[in-house]
Amino acid sequence: MAQETKVATFGAGCFWHVEAAYAALDGVVSTQVGYMGGSVADPTYEMVCSDRTGHAEVVHVEYDPEQISYEKLLEVFWDLHDPTSLNRQGPDVGTQYRSAIFFHDDEQERAARAAVRELERSGRYHRQIVTQIVPAGPFYRAEEYHQQYFARHFGLSPQQAALACGVGSPVMRHAKKD
């Protein structure tokens, strides 16, 4: 009997490229983009972009832990963005673009905190990691035009989208070998 899937939720800047990277991984069953961590129920993209709801743009990842570990998902998370940049990733500025790990159970919280400690010890970053590690709250699915954005609007596979977004080799080393 197959093990049940699990979920993980990450905020690492604009959710389009983050979703493309996770969708390209073996063991990821599905991805959805949306909003988490705010104070307004059922926010719209426009509301979140106003920087008044407190939500982060996130990717909600359903995965098979027999095929990919949560620790591997965390490894991809660190490769996807700059966790030392407060409320911005590249040209995108605002609290909705913050670095955040929304944990769904104690095991995920422990793994996330351990990963931060290891990264801090490694010297990989020369500034303090500002990633929030907070309990997952309600996930609000983003509007349909945001889902699988690159496939929907440009006909790209997740692997092609990850490359087109400039996600680059650190993340692509984890991608499916299609």
N, C-alpha and C. Protein backbone atom coordinates (compact mmCIF):
# COMPACT_ATOMS: atom_id res chain seq x y z
N MET A 1 0.83 -1.19 0.00
CA MET A 1 0.00 0.00 0.00
C MET A 1 0.88 1.25 0.00
N ALA A 2 0.60 2.18 -0.88
CA ALA A 2 1.39 3.40 -1.00
C ALA A 2 1.15 4.32 0.19
N GLN A 3 2.21 5.00 0.59
CA GLN A 3 2.12 5.96 1.67
C GLN A 3 1.33 7.17 1.21
N GLU A 4 0.66 7.82 2.14
CA GLU A 4 -0.08 9.03 1.80
C GLU A 4 0.86 10.15 1.42
N THR A 5 0.35 11.07 0.63
CA THR A 5 1.15 12.24 0.29
C THR A 5 1.15 13.21 1.46
N LYS A 6 2.10 14.13 1.42
CA LYS A 6 2.20 15.19 2.42
C LYS A 6 2.21 16.52 1.69
N VAL A 7 2.06 17.60 2.47
CA VAL A 7 2.10 18.93 1.88
C VAL A 7 3.19 19.76 2.53
N ALA A 8 3.72 20.68 1.76
CA ALA A 8 4.71 21.65 2.22
C ALA A 8 4.35 22.99 1.58
N THR A 9 4.62 24.07 2.29
CA THR A 9 4.29 25.39 1.76
C THR A 9 5.47 26.33 1.95
N PHE A 10 5.87 26.98 0.84
CA PHE A 10 7.05 27.83 0.84
C PHE A 10 6.75 29.17 0.18
N GLY A 11 7.31 30.22 0.76
CA GLY A 11 7.30 31.55 0.16
C GLY A 11 8.73 31.93 -0.17
N ALA A 12 9.00 32.19 -1.43
CA ALA A 12 10.37 32.50 -1.86
C ALA A 12 10.36 33.55 -2.97
N GLY A 13 9.53 34.56 -2.81
CA GLY A 13 9.40 35.58 -3.84
C GLY A 13 8.21 35.29 -4.73
N CYS A 14 8.26 35.80 -5.94
CA CYS A 14 7.17 35.60 -6.89
C CYS A 14 6.88 34.11 -7.06
N PHE A 15 5.63 33.73 -6.89
CA PHE A 15 5.30 32.30 -6.87
C PHE A 15 5.40 31.60 -8.22
N TRP A 16 5.45 32.32 -9.32
CA TRP A 16 5.49 31.66 -10.64
C TRP A 16 6.73 30.81 -10.81
N HIS A 17 7.90 31.37 -10.55
CA HIS A 17 9.13 30.59 -10.76
C HIS A 17 9.30 29.53 -9.68
N VAL A 18 8.82 29.80 -8.48
CA VAL A 18 8.93 28.83 -7.39
C VAL A 18 8.10 27.59 -7.73
N GLU A 19 6.88 27.83 -8.21
CA GLU A 19 6.03 26.71 -8.60
C GLU A 19 6.67 25.91 -9.72
N ALA A 20 7.23 26.57 -10.72
CA ALA A 20 7.86 25.86 -11.84
C ALA A 20 8.98 24.95 -11.34
N ALA A 21 9.78 25.45 -10.42
CA ALA A 21 10.89 24.65 -9.90
C ALA A 21 10.40 23.42 -9.15
N TYR A 22 9.41 23.57 -8.28
CA TYR A 22 8.90 22.42 -7.53
C TYR A 22 8.16 21.44 -8.43
N ALA A 23 7.43 21.95 -9.40
CA ALA A 23 6.70 21.07 -10.31
C ALA A 23 7.64 20.19 -11.13
N ALA A 24 8.89 20.62 -11.27
CA ALA A 24 9.87 19.87 -12.07
C ALA A 24 10.51 18.72 -11.30
N LEU A 25 10.16 18.54 -10.04
CA LEU A 25 10.83 17.54 -9.21
C LEU A 25 10.13 16.20 -9.21
N ASP A 26 10.91 15.12 -9.31
CA ASP A 26 10.36 13.78 -9.11
C ASP A 26 9.85 13.69 -7.68
N GLY A 27 8.68 13.11 -7.51
CA GLY A 27 8.09 12.96 -6.19
C GLY A 27 7.10 14.04 -5.84
N VAL A 28 7.09 15.14 -6.59
CA VAL A 28 6.08 16.17 -6.38
C VAL A 28 4.85 15.76 -7.17
N VAL A 29 3.74 15.62 -6.47
CA VAL A 29 2.49 15.16 -7.06
C VAL A 29 1.74 16.32 -7.71
N SER A 30 1.71 17.47 -7.01
CA SER A 30 1.02 18.65 -7.55
C SER A 30 1.53 19.90 -6.86
N THR A 31 1.31 21.03 -7.52
CA THR A 31 1.63 22.33 -6.96
C THR A 31 0.46 23.26 -7.19
N GLN A 32 0.30 24.19 -6.28
CA GLN A 32 -0.68 25.26 -6.41
C GLN A 32 -0.03 26.53 -5.90
N VAL A 33 -0.31 27.65 -6.52
CA VAL A 33 0.16 28.91 -5.99
C VAL A 33 -0.99 29.59 -5.26
N GLY A 34 -0.62 30.37 -4.25
CA GLY A 34 -1.64 31.06 -3.48
C GLY A 34 -1.02 31.96 -2.43
N TYR A 35 -1.81 32.17 -1.38
CA TYR A 35 -1.44 33.13 -0.36
C TYR A 35 -1.60 32.51 1.02
N MET A 36 -0.70 32.87 1.92
CA MET A 36 -0.75 32.36 3.29
C MET A 36 -0.09 33.39 4.20
N GLY A 37 -0.50 33.36 5.45
CA GLY A 37 0.17 34.16 6.46
C GLY A 37 -0.39 35.55 6.66
N GLY A 38 -1.57 35.81 6.16
CA GLY A 38 -2.15 37.14 6.29
C GLY A 38 -3.37 37.17 7.19
N SER A 39 -4.03 38.31 7.19
CA SER A 39 -5.15 38.54 8.10
C SER A 39 -6.51 38.65 7.41
N VAL A 40 -6.54 38.49 6.10
CA VAL A 40 -7.78 38.64 5.35
C VAL A 40 -8.15 37.30 4.72
N ALA A 41 -9.39 36.88 4.88
CA ALA A 41 -9.85 35.64 4.26
C ALA A 41 -10.06 35.85 2.76
N ASP A 42 -9.69 34.83 1.98
CA ASP A 42 -9.88 34.83 0.52
C ASP A 42 -9.37 36.09 -0.17
N PRO A 43 -8.10 36.43 0.03
CA PRO A 43 -7.58 37.64 -0.62
C PRO A 43 -7.42 37.44 -2.12
N THR A 44 -7.48 38.53 -2.85
CA THR A 44 -7.19 38.52 -4.28
C THR A 44 -5.73 38.92 -4.47
N TYR A 45 -5.23 38.71 -5.66
CA TYR A 45 -3.87 39.11 -5.99
C TYR A 45 -3.69 40.61 -5.76
N GLU A 46 -4.66 41.38 -6.20
CA GLU A 46 -4.58 42.84 -6.04
C GLU A 46 -4.52 43.22 -4.56
N MET A 47 -5.30 42.55 -3.73
CA MET A 47 -5.27 42.83 -2.29
C MET A 47 -3.90 42.49 -1.70
N VAL A 48 -3.36 41.34 -2.07
CA VAL A 48 -2.06 40.92 -1.54
C VAL A 48 -0.97 41.89 -2.00
N CYS A 49 -1.04 42.33 -3.25
CA CYS A 49 -0.04 43.25 -3.78
C CYS A 49 -0.13 44.65 -3.17
N SER A 50 -1.23 44.95 -2.50
CA SER A 50 -1.36 46.25 -1.83
C SER A 50 -0.48 46.32 -0.59
N ASP A 51 0.04 45.18 -0.16
CA ASP A 51 0.91 45.07 1.01
C ASP A 51 0.17 45.41 2.31
N ARG A 52 -1.17 45.21 2.28
CA ARG A 52 -1.96 45.51 3.48
C ARG A 52 -2.62 44.28 4.09
N THR A 53 -2.49 43.11 3.45
CA THR A 53 -3.17 41.92 3.99
C THR A 53 -2.24 41.06 4.83
N GLY A 54 -0.94 41.23 4.65
CA GLY A 54 0.03 40.43 5.40
C GLY A 54 0.34 39.07 4.80
N HIS A 55 -0.26 38.74 3.66
CA HIS A 55 -0.03 37.44 3.04
C HIS A 55 1.30 37.39 2.30
N ALA A 56 1.85 36.20 2.21
CA ALA A 56 2.99 35.93 1.35
C ALA A 56 2.49 35.18 0.13
N GLU A 57 3.14 35.41 -1.01
CA GLU A 57 2.91 34.56 -2.17
C GLU A 57 3.60 33.23 -1.87
N VAL A 58 2.86 32.13 -1.99
CA VAL A 58 3.42 30.82 -1.62
C VAL A 58 3.12 29.78 -2.69
N VAL A 59 3.89 28.71 -2.58
CA VAL A 59 3.61 27.51 -3.38
C VAL A 59 3.29 26.40 -2.40
N HIS A 60 2.15 25.79 -2.62
CA HIS A 60 1.65 24.68 -1.81
C HIS A 60 2.00 23.41 -2.59
N VAL A 61 2.89 22.62 -2.03
CA VAL A 61 3.45 21.45 -2.72
C VAL A 61 2.89 20.17 -2.10
N GLU A 62 2.27 19.34 -2.91
CA GLU A 62 1.87 18.00 -2.48
C GLU A 62 2.95 17.06 -2.98
N TYR A 63 3.50 16.24 -2.07
CA TYR A 63 4.61 15.38 -2.46
C TYR A 63 4.48 13.99 -1.84
N ASP A 64 5.17 13.05 -2.47
CA ASP A 64 5.21 11.67 -2.00
C ASP A 64 6.52 11.50 -1.22
N PRO A 65 6.45 11.37 0.11
CA PRO A 65 7.68 11.27 0.90
C PRO A 65 8.49 10.00 0.64
N GLU A 66 7.91 9.03 -0.05
CA GLU A 66 8.69 7.85 -0.44
C GLU A 66 9.59 8.16 -1.64
N GLN A 67 9.27 9.23 -2.38
CA GLN A 67 10.06 9.60 -3.56
C GLN A 67 10.93 10.83 -3.35
N ILE A 68 10.50 11.73 -2.49
CA ILE A 68 11.28 12.95 -2.22
C ILE A 68 11.07 13.34 -0.76
N SER A 69 12.13 13.69 -0.12
CA SER A 69 12.05 14.04 1.30
C SER A 69 11.74 15.53 1.48
N TYR A 70 11.24 15.85 2.65
CA TYR A 70 11.03 17.25 2.99
C TYR A 70 12.36 17.99 3.01
N GLU A 71 13.41 17.33 3.44
CA GLU A 71 14.74 17.94 3.45
C GLU A 71 15.19 18.31 2.03
N LYS A 72 14.86 17.47 1.06
CA LYS A 72 15.19 17.80 -0.34
C LYS A 72 14.37 19.01 -0.81
N LEU A 73 13.10 19.08 -0.40
CA LEU A 73 12.29 20.25 -0.74
C LEU A 73 12.89 21.52 -0.14
N LEU A 74 13.41 21.40 1.09
CA LEU A 74 14.08 22.54 1.72
C LEU A 74 15.35 22.93 0.95
N GLU A 75 16.10 21.95 0.51
CA GLU A 75 17.31 22.22 -0.26
C GLU A 75 16.98 23.03 -1.51
N VAL A 76 15.91 22.65 -2.19
CA VAL A 76 15.47 23.39 -3.37
C VAL A 76 15.04 24.80 -2.97
N PHE A 77 14.32 24.93 -1.86
CA PHE A 77 13.88 26.23 -1.36
C PHE A 77 15.06 27.18 -1.21
N TRP A 78 16.14 26.71 -0.58
CA TRP A 78 17.32 27.58 -0.38
C TRP A 78 17.96 27.94 -1.71
N ASP A 79 17.95 27.02 -2.67
CA ASP A 79 18.54 27.29 -3.98
C ASP A 79 17.72 28.29 -4.80
N LEU A 80 16.44 28.44 -4.49
CA LEU A 80 15.53 29.25 -5.30
C LEU A 80 15.62 30.75 -5.06
N HIS A 81 16.12 31.16 -3.92
CA HIS A 81 16.03 32.58 -3.59
C HIS A 81 17.11 32.98 -2.61
N ASP A 82 17.12 34.26 -2.27
CA ASP A 82 18.06 34.79 -1.29
C ASP A 82 17.35 34.90 0.06
N PRO A 83 17.61 33.98 0.97
CA PRO A 83 16.91 34.01 2.26
C PRO A 83 17.44 35.09 3.21
N THR A 84 18.40 35.89 2.75
CA THR A 84 18.90 36.99 3.57
C THR A 84 18.28 38.32 3.16
N SER A 85 17.43 38.31 2.18
CA SER A 85 16.81 39.52 1.66
C SER A 85 15.42 39.69 2.29
N LEU A 86 15.24 40.74 3.06
CA LEU A 86 13.99 40.96 3.78
C LEU A 86 12.94 41.59 2.87
N ASN A 87 11.84 40.89 2.70
CA ASN A 87 10.68 41.40 1.96
C ASN A 87 10.99 41.83 0.53
N ARG A 88 11.86 41.09 -0.10
CA ARG A 88 12.14 41.34 -1.52
C ARG A 88 12.90 40.15 -2.08
N GLN A 89 12.68 39.91 -3.37
CA GLN A 89 13.47 38.95 -4.14
C GLN A 89 13.68 39.59 -5.50
N GLY A 90 14.93 39.88 -5.81
CA GLY A 90 15.22 40.55 -7.08
C GLY A 90 14.48 41.87 -7.15
N PRO A 91 13.78 42.12 -8.27
CA PRO A 91 13.08 43.41 -8.41
C PRO A 91 11.74 43.46 -7.67
N ASP A 92 11.29 42.35 -7.12
CA ASP A 92 9.99 42.29 -6.44
C ASP A 92 10.14 42.69 -4.98
N VAL A 93 9.43 43.76 -4.59
CA VAL A 93 9.55 44.31 -3.24
C VAL A 93 8.19 44.31 -2.57
N GLY A 94 8.15 43.91 -1.31
CA GLY A 94 6.93 43.91 -0.50
C GLY A 94 6.90 42.70 0.39
N THR A 95 6.11 42.76 1.44
CA THR A 95 6.05 41.64 2.38
C THR A 95 5.52 40.37 1.73
N GLN A 96 4.78 40.49 0.63
CA GLN A 96 4.25 39.30 -0.04
C GLN A 96 5.38 38.48 -0.68
N TYR A 97 6.56 39.08 -0.83
CA TYR A 97 7.70 38.38 -1.43
C TYR A 97 8.70 37.88 -0.38
N ARG A 98 8.29 37.85 0.87
CA ARG A 98 9.21 37.45 1.93
C ARG A 98 9.58 35.98 1.83
N SER A 99 10.69 35.66 2.46
CA SER A 99 11.15 34.28 2.55
C SER A 99 10.46 33.64 3.74
N ALA A 100 9.71 32.57 3.49
CA ALA A 100 8.94 31.95 4.58
C ALA A 100 8.77 30.46 4.34
N ILE A 101 8.88 29.74 5.43
CA ILE A 101 8.55 28.32 5.45
C ILE A 101 7.36 28.17 6.39
N PHE A 102 6.25 27.70 5.85
CA PHE A 102 5.04 27.47 6.63
C PHE A 102 4.98 25.98 6.93
N PHE A 103 5.29 25.61 8.17
CA PHE A 103 5.35 24.19 8.51
C PHE A 103 3.97 23.65 8.86
N HIS A 104 3.77 22.37 8.50
CA HIS A 104 2.48 21.70 8.71
C HIS A 104 2.50 20.73 9.87
N ASP A 105 3.68 20.45 10.41
CA ASP A 105 3.77 19.56 11.58
C ASP A 105 5.11 19.80 12.28
N ASP A 106 5.27 19.18 13.44
CA ASP A 106 6.49 19.37 14.22
C ASP A 106 7.73 18.90 13.48
N GLU A 107 7.60 17.84 12.71
CA GLU A 107 8.74 17.31 11.95
C GLU A 107 9.24 18.34 10.93
N GLN A 108 8.32 18.99 10.24
CA GLN A 108 8.72 20.02 9.28
C GLN A 108 9.36 21.21 9.99
N GLU A 109 8.83 21.60 11.13
CA GLU A 109 9.42 22.71 11.86
C GLU A 109 10.86 22.37 12.27
N ARG A 110 11.06 21.18 12.83
CA ARG A 110 12.41 20.77 13.24
C ARG A 110 13.37 20.75 12.05
N ALA A 111 12.92 20.21 10.94
CA ALA A 111 13.78 20.14 9.75
C ALA A 111 14.13 21.54 9.24
N ALA A 112 13.17 22.43 9.23
CA ALA A 112 13.42 23.80 8.75
C ALA A 112 14.40 24.53 9.65
N ARG A 113 14.21 24.41 10.95
CA ARG A 113 15.12 25.09 11.90
C ARG A 113 16.52 24.49 11.83
N ALA A 114 16.60 23.18 11.67
CA ALA A 114 17.90 22.52 11.54
C ALA A 114 18.60 22.98 10.26
N ALA A 115 17.84 23.14 9.18
CA ALA A 115 18.42 23.59 7.91
C ALA A 115 18.98 25.01 8.05
N VAL A 116 18.27 25.88 8.75
CA VAL A 116 18.77 27.24 8.97
C VAL A 116 20.06 27.20 9.77
N ARG A 117 20.09 26.42 10.85
CA ARG A 117 21.31 26.31 11.66
C ARG A 117 22.49 25.83 10.81
N GLU A 118 22.24 24.82 9.99
CA GLU A 118 23.30 24.28 9.14
C GLU A 118 23.79 25.32 8.13
N LEU A 119 22.86 26.05 7.52
CA LEU A 119 23.26 27.09 6.57
C LEU A 119 24.05 28.20 7.25
N GLU A 120 23.64 28.57 8.45
CA GLU A 120 24.38 29.61 9.17
C GLU A 120 25.79 29.14 9.52
N ARG A 121 25.93 27.89 9.90
CA ARG A 121 27.25 27.32 10.20
C ARG A 121 28.11 27.20 8.96
N SER A 122 27.49 26.96 7.81
CA SER A 122 28.23 26.70 6.58
C SER A 122 28.95 27.92 6.02
N GLY A 123 28.48 29.11 6.37
CA GLY A 123 29.05 30.32 5.80
C GLY A 123 28.61 30.60 4.38
N ARG A 124 27.62 29.88 3.89
CA ARG A 124 27.12 30.08 2.52
C ARG A 124 26.64 31.51 2.30
N TYR A 125 26.03 32.09 3.34
CA TYR A 125 25.52 33.46 3.25
C TYR A 125 26.35 34.36 4.17
N HIS A 126 26.58 35.56 3.72
CA HIS A 126 27.38 36.51 4.50
C HIS A 126 26.50 37.44 5.32
N ARG A 127 25.20 37.32 5.16
CA ARG A 127 24.25 38.10 5.96
C ARG A 127 23.34 37.12 6.70
N GLN A 128 22.62 37.65 7.67
CA GLN A 128 21.72 36.83 8.48
C GLN A 128 20.54 36.31 7.64
N ILE A 129 20.18 35.07 7.85
CA ILE A 129 19.00 34.49 7.20
C ILE A 129 17.77 35.07 7.88
N VAL A 130 16.85 35.61 7.07
CA VAL A 130 15.65 36.26 7.61
C VAL A 130 14.38 35.46 7.32
N THR A 131 14.54 34.25 6.86
CA THR A 131 13.39 33.39 6.54
C THR A 131 12.52 33.18 7.77
N GLN A 132 11.23 33.44 7.60
CA GLN A 132 10.28 33.14 8.67
C GLN A 132 10.00 31.65 8.68
N ILE A 133 9.95 31.06 9.85
CA ILE A 133 9.53 29.67 10.02
C ILE A 133 8.33 29.73 10.95
N VAL A 134 7.15 29.56 10.36
CA VAL A 134 5.90 29.79 11.10
C VAL A 134 4.89 28.68 10.79
N PRO A 135 3.94 28.46 11.71
CA PRO A 135 2.92 27.43 11.44
C PRO A 135 2.09 27.79 10.20
N ALA A 136 1.76 26.79 9.43
CA ALA A 136 0.89 27.00 8.27
C ALA A 136 -0.50 27.40 8.77
N GLY A 137 -1.05 28.37 8.10
CA GLY A 137 -2.43 28.78 8.36
C GLY A 137 -3.26 28.41 7.15
N PRO A 138 -4.38 29.06 6.98
CA PRO A 138 -5.21 28.78 5.81
C PRO A 138 -4.47 29.12 4.52
N PHE A 139 -4.59 28.22 3.55
CA PHE A 139 -4.03 28.45 2.22
C PHE A 139 -5.16 28.94 1.33
N TYR A 140 -4.93 30.06 0.69
CA TYR A 140 -5.91 30.62 -0.25
C TYR A 140 -5.34 30.49 -1.65
N ARG A 141 -5.96 29.66 -2.45
CA ARG A 141 -5.50 29.42 -3.81
C ARG A 141 -5.61 30.71 -4.62
N ALA A 142 -4.55 31.04 -5.34
CA ALA A 142 -4.53 32.23 -6.19
C ALA A 142 -5.46 32.03 -7.38
N GLU A 143 -5.74 33.11 -8.03
CA GLU A 143 -6.59 33.10 -9.20
C GLU A 143 -6.05 32.12 -10.24
N GLU A 144 -6.95 31.59 -11.03
CA GLU A 144 -6.60 30.53 -11.97
C GLU A 144 -5.51 30.95 -12.95
N TYR A 145 -5.48 32.20 -13.36
CA TYR A 145 -4.47 32.62 -14.34
C TYR A 145 -3.05 32.58 -13.77
N HIS A 146 -2.91 32.44 -12.45
CA HIS A 146 -1.58 32.30 -11.84
C HIS A 146 -1.12 30.84 -11.77
N GLN A 147 -2.05 29.89 -11.84
CA GLN A 147 -1.70 28.47 -11.68
C GLN A 147 -0.94 27.97 -12.89
N GLN A 148 0.17 27.24 -12.63
CA GLN A 148 1.00 26.71 -13.72
C GLN A 148 1.19 27.78 -14.79
N TYR A 149 1.60 28.94 -14.35
CA TYR A 149 1.66 30.15 -15.17
C TYR A 149 2.39 29.94 -16.49
N PHE A 150 3.55 29.34 -16.45
CA PHE A 150 4.36 29.22 -17.66
C PHE A 150 3.81 28.19 -18.64
N ALA A 151 3.20 27.14 -18.14
CA ALA A 151 2.54 26.17 -19.03
C ALA A 151 1.30 26.81 -19.66
N ARG A 152 0.54 27.49 -18.84
CA ARG A 152 -0.72 28.10 -19.30
C ARG A 152 -0.49 29.21 -20.32
N HIS A 153 0.50 30.04 -20.09
CA HIS A 153 0.68 31.22 -20.93
C HIS A 153 1.74 31.07 -22.02
N PHE A 154 2.66 30.11 -21.82
CA PHE A 154 3.74 29.98 -22.79
C PHE A 154 3.94 28.55 -23.29
N GLY A 155 3.15 27.61 -22.79
CA GLY A 155 3.26 26.22 -23.23
C GLY A 155 4.53 25.52 -22.79
N LEU A 156 5.14 25.98 -21.72
CA LEU A 156 6.40 25.40 -21.26
C LEU A 156 6.18 24.29 -20.23
N SER A 157 7.00 23.26 -20.30
CA SER A 157 7.00 22.23 -19.27
C SER A 157 7.60 22.85 -18.00
N PRO A 158 7.42 22.22 -16.84
CA PRO A 158 8.04 22.76 -15.63
C PRO A 158 9.56 22.91 -15.77
N GLN A 159 10.21 21.96 -16.42
CA GLN A 159 11.66 22.05 -16.60
C GLN A 159 12.03 23.24 -17.49
N GLN A 160 11.31 23.42 -18.59
CA GLN A 160 11.56 24.55 -19.48
C GLN A 160 11.29 25.87 -18.76
N ALA A 161 10.21 25.91 -17.98
CA ALA A 161 9.86 27.12 -17.24
C ALA A 161 10.92 27.47 -16.22
N ALA A 162 11.42 26.47 -15.51
CA ALA A 162 12.45 26.72 -14.51
C ALA A 162 13.69 27.32 -15.18
N LEU A 163 14.06 26.81 -16.33
CA LEU A 163 15.21 27.35 -17.06
C LEU A 163 14.92 28.75 -17.59
N ALA A 164 13.72 28.95 -18.14
CA ALA A 164 13.35 30.24 -18.71
C ALA A 164 13.31 31.33 -17.65
N CYS A 165 12.98 30.96 -16.43
CA CYS A 165 12.91 31.94 -15.33
C CYS A 165 14.28 32.28 -14.80
N GLY A 166 15.29 31.62 -15.29
CA GLY A 166 16.62 31.87 -14.76
C GLY A 166 16.84 31.21 -13.42
N VAL A 167 16.04 30.19 -13.12
CA VAL A 167 16.20 29.49 -11.85
C VAL A 167 17.61 28.92 -11.77
N GLY A 168 18.11 28.41 -12.87
CA GLY A 168 19.51 28.03 -12.94
C GLY A 168 19.87 26.65 -12.43
N SER A 169 21.13 26.36 -12.54
CA SER A 169 21.63 25.02 -12.29
C SER A 169 21.48 24.52 -10.85
N PRO A 170 21.61 25.36 -9.81
CA PRO A 170 21.44 24.77 -8.47
C PRO A 170 20.09 24.08 -8.31
N VAL A 171 19.03 24.68 -8.83
CA VAL A 171 17.71 24.06 -8.72
C VAL A 171 17.54 22.96 -9.75
N MET A 172 18.01 23.18 -10.96
CA MET A 172 17.80 22.21 -12.02
C MET A 172 18.50 20.89 -11.76
N ARG A 173 19.50 20.87 -10.89
CA ARG A 173 20.13 19.59 -10.56
C ARG A 173 19.16 18.65 -9.86
N HIS A 174 18.07 19.20 -9.34
CA HIS A 174 17.05 18.38 -8.67
C HIS A 174 15.93 17.95 -9.61
N ALA A 175 15.86 18.53 -10.79
CA ALA A 175 14.71 18.36 -11.68
C ALA A 175 14.63 16.94 -12.25
N LYS A 176 13.40 16.60 -12.68
CA LYS A 176 13.16 15.33 -13.35
C LYS A 176 14.00 15.27 -14.61
N LYS A 177 14.37 14.11 -14.96
CA LYS A 177 15.18 13.91 -16.17
C LYS A 177 14.28 13.46 -17.32
N ASP A 178 13.46 14.37 -17.83
CA ASP A 178 12.55 14.06 -18.93
C ASP A 178 13.25 14.00 -20.25
